[in-house]
PDB file of N, CA and C in Angstrom:
ATOM      1  N   MET A   1       1.004  -1.003   0.080  1.00  0.00           N
ATOM      2  CA  MET A   1       0.097   0.056  -0.201  1.00  0.00           C
ATOM      3  C   MET A   1       0.984   1.446  -0.082  1.00  0.00           C
ATOM      4  N   PRO A   2       0.767   1.989  -0.669  1.00  0.00           N
ATOM      5  CA  PRO A   2       1.212   3.404  -0.939  1.00  0.00           C
ATOM      6  C   PRO A   2       0.979   4.336   0.293  1.00  0.00           C
ATOM      7  N   VAL A   3       2.542   5.041   0.621  1.00  0.00           N
ATOM      8  CA  VAL A   3       2.549   5.624   2.194  1.00  0.00           C
ATOM      9  C   VAL A   3       1.577   6.624   1.954  1.00  0.00           C
ATOM     10  N   ASP A   4       1.232   7.408   1.293  1.00  0.00           N
ATOM     11  CA  ASP A   4       0.183   8.698   1.157  1.00  0.00           C
ATOM     12  C   ASP A   4      -1.091   8.078   1.623  1.00  0.00           C
ATOM     13  N   VAL A   5      -1.624   6.933   0.915  1.00  0.00           N
ATOM     14  CA  VAL A   5      -2.794   6.162   1.256  1.00  0.00           C
ATOM     15  C   VAL A   5      -2.444   5.778   2.852  1.00  0.00           C
ATOM     16  N   GLN A   6      -1.693   5.050   3.414  1.00  0.00           N
ATOM     17  CA  GLN A   6      -1.690   4.827   4.766  1.00  0.00           C
ATOM     18  C   GLN A   6      -1.327   6.078   5.581  1.00  0.00           C
ATOM     19  N   VAL A   7      -0.770   7.029   5.334  1.00  0.00           N
ATOM     20  CA  VAL A   7      -0.838   8.645   5.953  1.00  0.00           C
ATOM     21  C   VAL A   7      -2.454   9.082   6.186  1.00  0.00           C
ATOM     22  N   ARG A   8      -3.043   9.084   5.009  1.00  0.00           N
ATOM     23  CA  ARG A   8      -4.296   9.618   4.823  1.00  0.00           C
ATOM     24  C   ARG A   8      -5.396   8.767   5.935  1.00  0.00           C
ATOM     25  N   ARG A   9      -5.045   7.428   5.982  1.00  0.00           N
ATOM     26  CA  ARG A   9      -5.977   6.499   7.001  1.00  0.00           C
ATOM     27  C   ARG A   9      -5.482   6.866   8.551  1.00  0.00           C
ATOM     28  N   VAL A  10      -4.607   7.059   8.586  1.00  0.00           N
ATOM     29  CA  VAL A  10      -4.101   7.158  10.112  1.00  0.00           C
ATOM     30  C   VAL A  10      -4.935   8.501  10.350  1.00  0.00           C
ATOM     31  N   VAL A  11      -4.392   9.857   9.848  1.00  0.00           N
ATOM     32  CA  VAL A  11      -4.975  11.158  10.019  1.00  0.00           C
ATOM     33  C   VAL A  11      -6.490  11.134   9.994  1.00  0.00           C
ATOM     34  N   GLN A  12      -7.340  10.443   9.216  1.00  0.00           N
ATOM     35  CA  GLN A  12      -8.423  10.283   9.039  1.00  0.00           C
ATOM     36  C   GLN A  12      -9.217   9.524  10.127  1.00  0.00           C
ATOM     37  N   SER A  13      -8.569   8.468  11.039  1.00  0.00           N
ATOM     38  CA  SER A  13      -9.084   7.787  11.653  1.00  0.00           C
ATOM     39  C   SER A  13      -9.446   8.619  13.305  1.00  0.00           C
ATOM     40  N   GLY A  14      -9.050   9.878  13.212  1.00  0.00           N
ATOM     41  CA  GLY A  14      -9.263  10.288  14.328  1.00  0.00           C
ATOM     42  C   GLY A  14      -8.331  10.310  15.550  1.00  0.00           C
ATOM     43  N   VAL A  15      -7.202   9.453  15.018  1.00  0.00           N
ATOM     44  CA  VAL A  15      -6.181   9.131  16.014  1.00  0.00           C
ATOM     45  C   VAL A  15      -5.375  10.425  16.307  1.00  0.00           C
ATOM     46  N   ARG A  16      -4.780  11.089  17.181  1.00  0.00           N
ATOM     47  CA  ARG A  16      -4.191  12.196  17.476  1.00  0.00           C
ATOM     48  C   ARG A  16      -2.700  12.177  16.664  1.00  0.00           C
ATOM     49  N   SER A  17      -2.246  12.506  15.740  1.00  0.00           N
ATOM     50  CA  SER A  17      -1.446  12.320  15.111  1.00  0.00           C
ATOM     51  C   SER A  17      -0.939  13.365  14.220  1.00  0.00           C
ATOM     52  N   PHE A  18       0.192  13.637  13.864  1.00  0.00           N
ATOM     53  CA  PHE A  18       0.668  14.522  12.961  1.00  0.00           C
ATOM     54  C   PHE A  18       1.469  13.923  11.744  1.00  0.00           C
ATOM     55  N   VAL A  19       1.516  14.496  10.387  1.00  0.00           N
ATOM     56  CA  VAL A  19       2.639  13.988   9.458  1.00  0.00           C
ATOM     57  C   VAL A  19       3.659  15.355   9.178  1.00  0.00           C
ATOM     58  N   LYS A  20       4.648  14.454   9.037  1.00  0.00           N
ATOM     59  CA  LYS A  20       6.080  15.535   8.578  1.00  0.00           C
ATOM     60  C   LYS A  20       6.828  14.720   7.582  1.00  0.00           C
ATOM     61  N   ASN A  21       7.436  14.964   6.511  1.00  0.00           N
ATOM     62  CA  ASN A  21       7.930  14.301   5.813  1.00  0.00           C
ATOM     63  C   ASN A  21       7.498  12.996   5.434  1.00  0.00           C
ATOM     64  N   ASN A  22       6.174  12.924   5.477  1.00  0.00           N
ATOM     65  CA  ASN A  22       5.772  11.435   4.686  1.00  0.00           C
ATOM     66  C   ASN A  22       5.747  10.496   5.922  1.00  0.00           C
ATOM     67  N   PHE A  23       6.201  11.016   7.252  1.00  0.00           N
ATOM     68  CA  PHE A  23       6.250  10.146   8.575  1.00  0.00           C
ATOM     69  C   PHE A  23       4.846  10.556   9.103  1.00  0.00           C
ATOM     70  N   VAL A  24       4.192   9.662  10.079  1.00  0.00           N
ATOM     71  CA  VAL A  24       3.102   9.579  10.800  1.00  0.00           C
ATOM     72  C   VAL A  24       3.788   9.794  12.236  1.00  0.00           C
ATOM     73  N   PHE A  25       3.405  10.559  12.894  1.00  0.00           N
ATOM     74  CA  PHE A  25       3.951  10.631  14.660  1.00  0.00           C
ATOM     75  C   PHE A  25       2.611  10.502  15.269  1.00  0.00           C
ATOM     76  N   ILE A  26       2.506   9.435  16.080  1.00  0.00           N
ATOM     77  CA  ILE A  26       1.207   9.294  16.986  1.00  0.00           C
ATOM     78  C   ILE A  26       1.392   9.900  18.259  1.00  0.00           C
ATOM     79  N   MET A  27       0.746  10.609  18.585  1.00  0.00           N
ATOM     80  CA  MET A  27       0.724  11.444  20.132  1.00  0.00           C
ATOM     81  C   MET A  27       0.514  10.422  21.105  1.00  0.00           C
ATOM     82  N   PRO A  28       1.407  10.741  22.197  1.00  0.00           N
ATOM     83  CA  PRO A  28       1.326   9.628  23.276  1.00  0.00           C
ATOM     84  C   PRO A  28      -0.064  10.051  24.129  1.00  0.00           C
ATOM     85  N   ILE A  29      -0.687   8.545  24.781  1.00  0.00           N
ATOM     86  CA  ILE A  29      -1.804   9.063  25.491  1.00  0.00           C
ATOM     87  C   ILE A  29      -1.587   9.847  26.643  1.00  0.00           C
ATOM     88  N   SER A  30      -2.511  10.692  27.193  1.00  0.00           N
ATOM     89  CA  SER A  30      -2.283  11.459  28.447  1.00  0.00           C
ATOM     90  C   SER A  30      -2.775  10.467  29.676  1.00  0.00           C
ATOM     91  N   GLN A  31      -2.399  11.081  30.747  1.00  0.00           N
ATOM     92  CA  GLN A  31      -2.963  10.164  32.201  1.00  0.00           C
ATOM     93  C   GLN A  31      -4.572  10.297  32.242  1.00  0.00           C
ATOM     94  N   PHE A  32      -4.720  11.445  31.684  1.00  0.00           N
ATOM     95  CA  PHE A  32      -6.472  11.807  31.785  1.00  0.00           C
ATOM     96  C   PHE A  32      -7.249  10.862  30.998  1.00  0.00           C
ATOM     97  N   ASP A  33      -6.291  10.742  29.646  1.00  0.00           N
ATOM     98  CA  ASP A  33      -7.209   9.999  28.779  1.00  0.00           C
ATOM     99  C   ASP A  33      -7.274   8.185  29.122  1.00  0.00           C
ATOM    100  N   ARG A  34      -5.732   7.814  29.667  1.00  0.00           N
ATOM    101  CA  ARG A  34      -5.913   6.583  30.128  1.00  0.00           C
ATOM    102  C   ARG A  34      -6.785   6.223  31.209  1.00  0.00           C
ATOM    103  N   THR A  35      -7.067   7.151  32.118  1.00  0.00           N
ATOM    104  CA  THR A  35      -7.838   7.111  33.014  1.00  0.00           C
ATOM    105  C   THR A  35      -9.509   7.166  32.388  1.00  0.00           C
ATOM    106  N   ARG A  36      -9.792   7.599  31.664  1.00  0.00           N
ATOM    107  CA  ARG A  36     -11.018   7.823  30.600  1.00  0.00           C
ATOM    108  C   ARG A  36     -11.032   6.495  30.099  1.00  0.00           C
ATOM    109  N   ILE A  37     -10.200   5.664  29.516  1.00  0.00           N
ATOM    110  CA  ILE A  37     -10.024   4.378  29.075  1.00  0.00           C
ATOM    111  C   ILE A  37     -10.648   3.340  30.011  1.00  0.00           C
ATOM    112  N   VAL A  38      -9.917   3.445  30.925  1.00  0.00           N
ATOM    113  CA  VAL A  38     -10.460   2.345  32.047  1.00  0.00           C
ATOM    114  C   VAL A  38     -11.658   2.367  32.866  1.00  0.00           C
ATOM    115  N   ALA A  39     -12.184   3.864  32.737  1.00  0.00           N
ATOM    116  CA  ALA A  39     -13.522   4.253  33.710  1.00  0.00           C
ATOM    117  C   ALA A  39     -14.826   3.481  32.421  1.00  0.00           C
ATOM    118  N   LEU A  40     -14.315   3.830  30.989  1.00  0.00           N
ATOM    119  CA  LEU A  40     -15.408   3.262  30.055  1.00  0.00           C
ATOM    120  C   LEU A  40     -15.333   1.929  29.977  1.00  0.00           C
ATOM    121  N   MET A  41     -14.109   1.047  30.135  1.00  0.00           N
ATOM    122  CA  MET A  41     -14.109   0.172  29.850  1.00  0.00           C
ATOM    123  C   MET A  41     -14.708  -0.850  31.240  1.00  0.00           C
ATOM    124  N   GLN A  42     -14.571  -0.055  32.312  1.00  0.00           N
ATOM    125  CA  GLN A  42     -14.978  -0.697  33.533  1.00  0.00           C
ATOM    126  C   GLN A  42     -16.425  -0.546  33.357  1.00  0.00           C
ATOM    127  N   GLY A  43     -16.992   0.538  32.648  1.00  0.00           N
ATOM    128  CA  GLY A  43     -18.442   0.700  32.360  1.00  0.00           C
ATOM    129  C   GLY A  43     -19.092  -0.287  31.535  1.00  0.00           C
ATOM    130  N   GLY A  44     -18.358  -1.200  30.759  1.00  0.00           N
ATOM    131  CA  GLY A  44     -18.910  -1.958  29.841  1.00  0.00           C
ATOM    132  C   GLY A  44     -18.864  -1.898  28.389  1.00  0.00           C
ATOM    133  N   HIS A  45     -18.261  -0.688  27.991  1.00  0.00           N
ATOM    134  CA  HIS A  45     -18.289  -0.491  26.845  1.00  0.00           C
ATOM    135  C   HIS A  45     -17.258  -1.383  26.039  1.00  0.00           C
ATOM    136  N   ALA A  46     -17.445  -1.511  24.607  1.00  0.00           N
ATOM    137  CA  ALA A  46     -16.512  -2.347  24.066  1.00  0.00           C
ATOM    138  C   ALA A  46     -15.399  -1.471  23.546  1.00  0.00           C
ATOM    139  N   GLN A  47     -14.010  -2.329  23.276  1.00  0.00           N
ATOM    140  CA  GLN A  47     -12.762  -1.554  23.034  1.00  0.00           C
ATOM    141  C   GLN A  47     -12.991  -0.782  21.948  1.00  0.00           C
ATOM    142  N   ALA A  48     -13.559  -1.131  20.830  1.00  0.00           N
ATOM    143  CA  ALA A  48     -13.541  -0.268  19.687  1.00  0.00           C
ATOM    144  C   ALA A  48     -14.344   1.128  19.612  1.00  0.00           C
ATOM    145  N   GLU A  49     -15.454   0.822  20.702  1.00  0.00           N
ATOM    146  CA  GLU A  49     -16.356   2.100  21.037  1.00  0.00           C
ATOM    147  C   GLU A  49     -15.553   3.030  21.945  1.00  0.00           C
ATOM    148  N   VAL A  50     -14.878   2.263  22.929  1.00  0.00           N
ATOM    149  CA  VAL A  50     -13.908   3.215  23.691  1.00  0.00           C
ATOM    150  C   VAL A  50     -12.911   3.976  22.888  1.00  0.00           C
ATOM    151  N   ALA A  51     -12.126   3.592  21.613  1.00  0.00           N
ATOM    152  CA  ALA A  51     -11.131   3.810  21.056  1.00  0.00           C
ATOM    153  C   ALA A  51     -11.821   5.161  20.278  1.00  0.00           C
ATOM    154  N   GLN A  52     -12.923   4.990  19.677  1.00  0.00           N
ATOM    155  CA  GLN A  52     -13.681   5.950  19.058  1.00  0.00           C
ATOM    156  C   GLN A  52     -14.080   7.344  19.866  1.00  0.00           C
ATOM    157  N   ILE A  53     -14.395   7.271  21.159  1.00  0.00           N
ATOM    158  CA  ILE A  53     -14.763   8.018  22.249  1.00  0.00           C
ATOM    159  C   ILE A  53     -13.492   8.881  22.516  1.00  0.00           C
ATOM    160  N   VAL A  54     -12.505   8.104  22.790  1.00  0.00           N
ATOM    161  CA  VAL A  54     -11.414   8.853  23.365  1.00  0.00           C
ATOM    162  C   VAL A  54     -10.461   9.182  22.393  1.00  0.00           C
ATOM    163  N   GLY A  55     -10.636   8.683  21.129  1.00  0.00           N
ATOM    164  CA  GLY A  55      -9.897   9.333  20.168  1.00  0.00           C
ATOM    165  C   GLY A  55      -8.298   8.446  19.686  1.00  0.00           C
ATOM    166  N   VAL A  56      -8.031   7.418  20.356  1.00  0.00           N
ATOM    167  CA  VAL A  56      -7.018   6.518  20.222  1.00  0.00           C
ATOM    168  C   VAL A  56      -7.224   5.346  18.985  1.00  0.00           C
ATOM    169  N   THR A  57      -6.306   4.481  19.293  1.00  0.00           N
ATOM    170  CA  THR A  57      -6.596   3.348  18.298  1.00  0.00           C
ATOM    171  C   THR A  57      -6.861   2.404  19.317  1.00  0.00           C
ATOM    172  N   GLN A  58      -7.330   1.255  18.614  1.00  0.00           N
ATOM    173  CA  GLN A  58      -8.103  -0.055  19.454  1.00  0.00           C
ATOM    174  C   GLN A  58      -6.917  -0.734  20.170  1.00  0.00           C
ATOM    175  N   SER A  59      -5.724  -0.403  19.563  1.00  0.00           N
ATOM    176  CA  SER A  59      -4.422  -1.208  20.462  1.00  0.00           C
ATOM    177  C   SER A  59      -3.978  -0.593  21.638  1.00  0.00           C
ATOM    178  N   ALA A  60      -4.187   0.602  21.553  1.00  0.00           N
ATOM    179  CA  ALA A  60      -3.956   1.418  22.715  1.00  0.00           C
ATOM    180  C   ALA A  60      -4.808   1.190  23.841  1.00  0.00           C
ATOM    181  N   VAL A  61      -6.224   1.083  23.303  1.00  0.00           N
ATOM    182  CA  VAL A  61      -7.260   0.813  24.527  1.00  0.00           C
ATOM    183  C   VAL A  61      -7.044  -0.446  25.151  1.00  0.00           C
ATOM    184  N   SER A  62      -6.404  -1.536  24.235  1.00  0.00           N
ATOM    185  CA  SER A  62      -6.270  -2.844  24.779  1.00  0.00           C
ATOM    186  C   SER A  62      -4.739  -2.985  25.424  1.00  0.00           C
ATOM    187  N   LYS A  63      -3.776  -2.247  25.128  1.00  0.00           N
ATOM    188  CA  LYS A  63      -2.799  -2.368  25.802  1.00  0.00           C
ATOM    189  C   LYS A  63      -2.913  -1.652  27.298  1.00  0.00           C
ATOM    190  N   THR A  64      -3.999  -0.564  27.227  1.00  0.00           N
ATOM    191  CA  THR A  64      -3.941   0.226  28.621  1.00  0.00           C
ATOM    192  C   THR A  64      -5.094  -0.757  29.522  1.00  0.00           C
ATOM    193  N   TRP A  65      -5.698  -1.192  28.920  1.00  0.00           N
ATOM    194  CA  TRP A  65      -6.724  -2.153  29.777  1.00  0.00           C
ATOM    195  C   TRP A  65      -5.865  -3.326  30.339  1.00  0.00           C
ATOM    196  N   LYS A  66      -5.103  -4.025  29.300  1.00  0.00           N
ATOM    197  CA  LYS A  66      -4.130  -4.857  30.147  1.00  0.00           C
ATOM    198  C   LYS A  66      -3.392  -4.692  30.779  1.00  0.00           C
ATOM    199  N   ARG A  67      -2.630  -3.536  30.787  1.00  0.00           N
ATOM    200  CA  ARG A  67      -1.788  -2.956  31.989  1.00  0.00           C
ATOM    201  C   ARG A  67      -2.490  -2.483  33.224  1.00  0.00           C
ATOM    202  N   PHE A  68      -3.819  -1.977  33.126  1.00  0.00           N
ATOM    203  CA  PHE A  68      -4.584  -1.880  34.461  1.00  0.00           C
ATOM    204  C   PHE A  68      -4.854  -3.117  35.229  1.00  0.00           C
ATOM    205  N   ASN A  69      -5.289  -4.273  34.203  1.00  0.00           N
ATOM    206  CA  ASN A  69      -5.781  -5.495  34.956  1.00  0.00           C
ATOM    207  C   ASN A  69      -4.518  -6.163  35.402  1.00  0.00           C
ATOM    208  N   ASP A  70      -3.250  -5.852  35.016  1.00  0.00           N
ATOM    209  CA  ASP A  70      -1.930  -6.646  35.350  1.00  0.00           C
ATOM    210  C   ASP A  70      -1.561  -5.696  36.874  1.00  0.00           C
ATOM    211  N   ASN A  71      -1.341  -4.682  36.415  1.00  0.00           N
ATOM    212  CA  ASN A  71      -0.823  -3.625  37.813  1.00  0.00           C
ATOM    213  C   ASN A  71      -1.652  -3.059  38.782  1.00  0.00           C
ATOM    214  N   ASN A  72      -3.104  -2.674  38.059  1.00  0.00           N
ATOM    215  CA  ASN A  72      -4.073  -2.054  38.982  1.00  0.00           C
ATOM    216  C   ASN A  72      -3.856  -0.466  38.613  1.00  0.00           C
ATOM    217  N   ASP A  73      -2.881   0.063  37.717  1.00  0.00           N
ATOM    218  CA  ASP A  73      -2.591   1.575  37.738  1.00  0.00           C
ATOM    219  C   ASP A  73      -2.445   1.728  35.994  1.00  0.00           C
ATOM    220  N   VAL A  74      -2.412   3.008  35.886  1.00  0.00           N
ATOM    221  CA  VAL A  74      -2.220   3.553  34.367  1.00  0.00           C
ATOM    222  C   VAL A  74      -1.398   4.436  34.387  1.00  0.00           C
ATOM    223  N   PHE A  75      -0.618   4.585  35.145  1.00  0.00           N
ATOM    224  CA  PHE A  75       0.473   5.669  35.490  1.00  0.00           C
ATOM    225  C   PHE A  75       1.666   5.482  34.401  1.00  0.00           C
ATOM    226  N   ASP A  76       2.317   6.464  34.271  1.00  0.00           N
ATOM    227  CA  ASP A  76       3.414   6.421  33.196  1.00  0.00           C
ATOM    228  C   ASP A  76       4.672   5.501  33.945  1.00  0.00           C
ATOM    229  N   ARG A  77       5.337   4.497  33.029  1.00  0.00           N
ATOM    230  CA  ARG A  77       6.419   3.826  33.641  1.00  0.00           C
ATOM    231  C   ARG A  77       7.382   4.650  33.643  1.00  0.00           C
ATOM    232  N   ARG A  78       8.392   4.396  34.607  1.00  0.00           N
ATOM    233  CA  ARG A  78       9.712   4.781  34.538  1.00  0.00           C
ATOM    234  C   ARG A  78      10.425   4.563  33.294  1.00  0.00           C
ATOM    235  N   ARG A  79      11.261   5.255  33.045  1.00  0.00           N
ATOM    236  CA  ARG A  79      12.028   5.006  31.706  1.00  0.00           C
ATOM    237  C   ARG A  79      13.486   5.361  31.997  1.00  0.00           C
ATOM    238  N   LYS A  80      14.528   5.165  31.311  1.00  0.00           N
ATOM    239  CA  LYS A  80      15.602   5.306  31.198  1.00  0.00           C
ATOM    240  C   LYS A  80      15.932   6.760  30.371  1.00  0.00           C
ATOM    241  N   GLY A  81      17.206   7.235  30.907  1.00  0.00           N
ATOM    242  CA  GLY A  81      17.554   8.682  30.274  1.00  0.00           C
ATOM    243  C   GLY A  81      17.149   9.753  30.969  1.00  0.00           C
ATOM    244  N   CYS A  82      17.836  10.735  30.182  1.00  0.00           N
ATOM    245  CA  CYS A  82      17.351  11.970  30.803  1.00  0.00           C
ATOM    246  C   CYS A  82      16.074  12.435  31.128  1.00  0.00           C
ATOM    247  N   PRO A  83      15.734  13.308  32.203  1.00  0.00           N
ATOM    248  CA  PRO A  83      14.217  13.456  32.439  1.00  0.00           C
ATOM    249  C   PRO A  83      13.789  14.886  31.399  1.00  0.00           C
TER     250      PRO A  83
END
C-alpha cells in the first residue's frame, strides 16, 4: 500500500497524530485519557467504542486495559534517560 494512502488512513481515523515528511507521528496518550479508557471499559463499553470516544487506536485501548488489569494502575512507567 502506498505511503500516502497509509498516512491518509491514520490521519482520518481520528487518532491524535501529525504528518511530517511523509512520516506519521502518533501522540502519546495522556494520563487523563488512560483514566477515561479504564473508566469506560469498567462501564461495559467495547474496546472499539472506547477507542472512538477517546480518539485513540483500539490497540492503545487494549494495552491500557491489559496494563490496568496486570498492575492496577495506569500511570507512566519509569524510563531510562534524561528527564
